[in-house]
């Protein structure tokens, strides 16, 4: 029960993919910063409101790295999850 009482749900702001990020992603991964990931106990990553597979991204600290060839210009990336309070 403490887990439910001591958690807070978060929802990041949407980051829209630019044309230069799409161009970079054709041959390399692209990094995004989400400060909400700092204390996240559980999180999910969405691209255009669809859940990304763990093979399509990685997370280190507050940095979300999107794998090569996943994003296109105008795509929207967001993160939701839970943190301990």
Foldseek 3Di string as FASTA:
>chain_A
DLVVVFKDKDKFDKDFDAQVNLVVLQVFKDKDFTQVQQQFPDKFKDKQNHTDDPVQWDDDRRIIIGHRPDDHGGIIMMMIGMGGD
